[in-house]
Amino acid sequence: MTEDVIAYIARALVQNPEHVQVDAHRVGGSIYIDVTAAPGDIGRLIGRKGRTAQAIRTVAKAAAAREGLRAVVDID
């Protein structure tokens, strides 16, 4: 569920949503989420001074907490 929320947000932010790929795997009590997008859209996911990326990570942590997990988001 957490990865679905992040995929929805990431696709809404970029110009080429078909190139957004979200991969998640769980290790113990953590969920690791890798977000990849087209090279021109990475800046949109990171934002100025990383504010958008930080907001995405905050949402991921909140969604993961509902599942009893810890979230780690990596944007490539």
Protein backbone atom coordinates (compact mmCIF):
# COMPACT_ATOMS: atom_id res chain seq x y z
CA MET A 1 0.00 0.00 0.00
CA THR A 2 2.80 2.43 0.82
CA GLU A 3 4.38 1.93 -2.59
CA ASP A 4 1.00 2.61 -4.24
CA VAL A 5 0.74 5.97 -2.48
CA ILE A 6 4.25 6.94 -3.55
CA ALA A 7 3.61 5.83 -7.14
CA TYR A 8 0.44 7.94 -7.26
CA ILE A 9 2.25 11.03 -5.99
CA ALA A 10 5.27 10.55 -8.27
CA ARG A 11 3.12 10.08 -11.38
CA ALA A 12 1.16 13.23 -10.54
CA LEU A 13 4.34 15.32 -10.32
CA VAL A 14 6.12 14.37 -13.56
CA GLN A 15 5.44 15.14 -17.22
CA ASN A 16 5.95 11.53 -18.34
CA PRO A 17 4.05 9.41 -15.82
CA GLU A 18 4.42 6.29 -17.96
CA HIS A 19 8.17 6.31 -17.23
CA VAL A 20 7.75 6.32 -13.46
CA GLN A 21 8.64 3.01 -11.87
CA VAL A 22 8.27 2.24 -8.18
CA ASP A 23 9.90 -0.88 -6.76
CA ALA A 24 9.52 -1.85 -3.13
CA HIS A 25 10.92 -4.63 -1.02
CA ARG A 26 10.56 -5.37 2.66
CA VAL A 27 13.37 -6.33 4.95
CA GLY A 28 12.34 -7.01 8.51
CA GLY A 29 10.33 -4.07 9.77
CA SER A 30 11.39 -1.74 6.96
CA ILE A 31 10.17 -1.10 3.44
CA TYR A 32 12.65 0.18 0.86
CA ILE A 33 11.07 2.07 -2.03
CA ASP A 34 13.04 2.92 -5.19
CA VAL A 35 11.47 5.53 -7.47
CA THR A 36 12.83 5.93 -11.01
CA ALA A 37 11.63 8.35 -13.67
CA ALA A 38 12.68 9.78 -17.01
CA PRO A 39 15.91 11.82 -16.74
CA GLY A 40 14.08 15.09 -17.35
CA ASP A 41 11.58 14.37 -14.59
CA ILE A 42 14.00 13.58 -11.77
CA GLY A 43 14.29 17.28 -10.96
CA ARG A 44 10.53 17.51 -10.54
CA LEU A 45 10.62 14.67 -8.01
CA ILE A 46 13.51 16.20 -6.08
CA GLY A 47 12.35 19.81 -6.17
CA ARG A 48 14.20 22.93 -5.11
CA LYS A 49 16.65 22.17 -2.33
CA GLY A 50 15.11 18.69 -2.10
CA ARG A 51 11.85 19.90 -0.59
CA THR A 52 9.62 17.78 -2.81
CA ALA A 53 11.73 14.68 -2.15
CA GLN A 54 11.52 15.34 1.58
CA ALA A 55 7.74 15.71 1.35
CA ILE A 56 7.51 12.39 -0.52
CA ARG A 57 9.60 10.73 2.18
CA THR A 58 7.38 12.19 4.90
CA VAL A 59 4.24 10.81 3.24
CA ALA A 60 5.95 7.43 2.80
CA LYS A 61 6.89 7.32 6.48
CA ALA A 62 3.31 8.14 7.50
CA ALA A 63 1.84 5.49 5.17
CA ALA A 64 4.37 2.90 6.33
CA ALA A 65 3.68 3.67 9.99
CA ARG A 66 0.06 2.69 9.43
CA GLU A 67 1.36 -0.74 8.40
CA GLY A 68 3.81 -0.88 11.30
CA LEU A 69 6.83 -0.41 9.03
CA ARG A 70 9.69 2.05 8.62
CA ALA A 71 10.03 3.56 5.12
CA VAL A 72 13.17 4.45 3.19
CA VAL A 73 12.67 6.20 -0.17
CA ASP A 74 15.38 6.48 -2.83
CA ILE A 75 14.76 8.64 -5.90
CA ASP A 76 16.83 7.78 -9.01
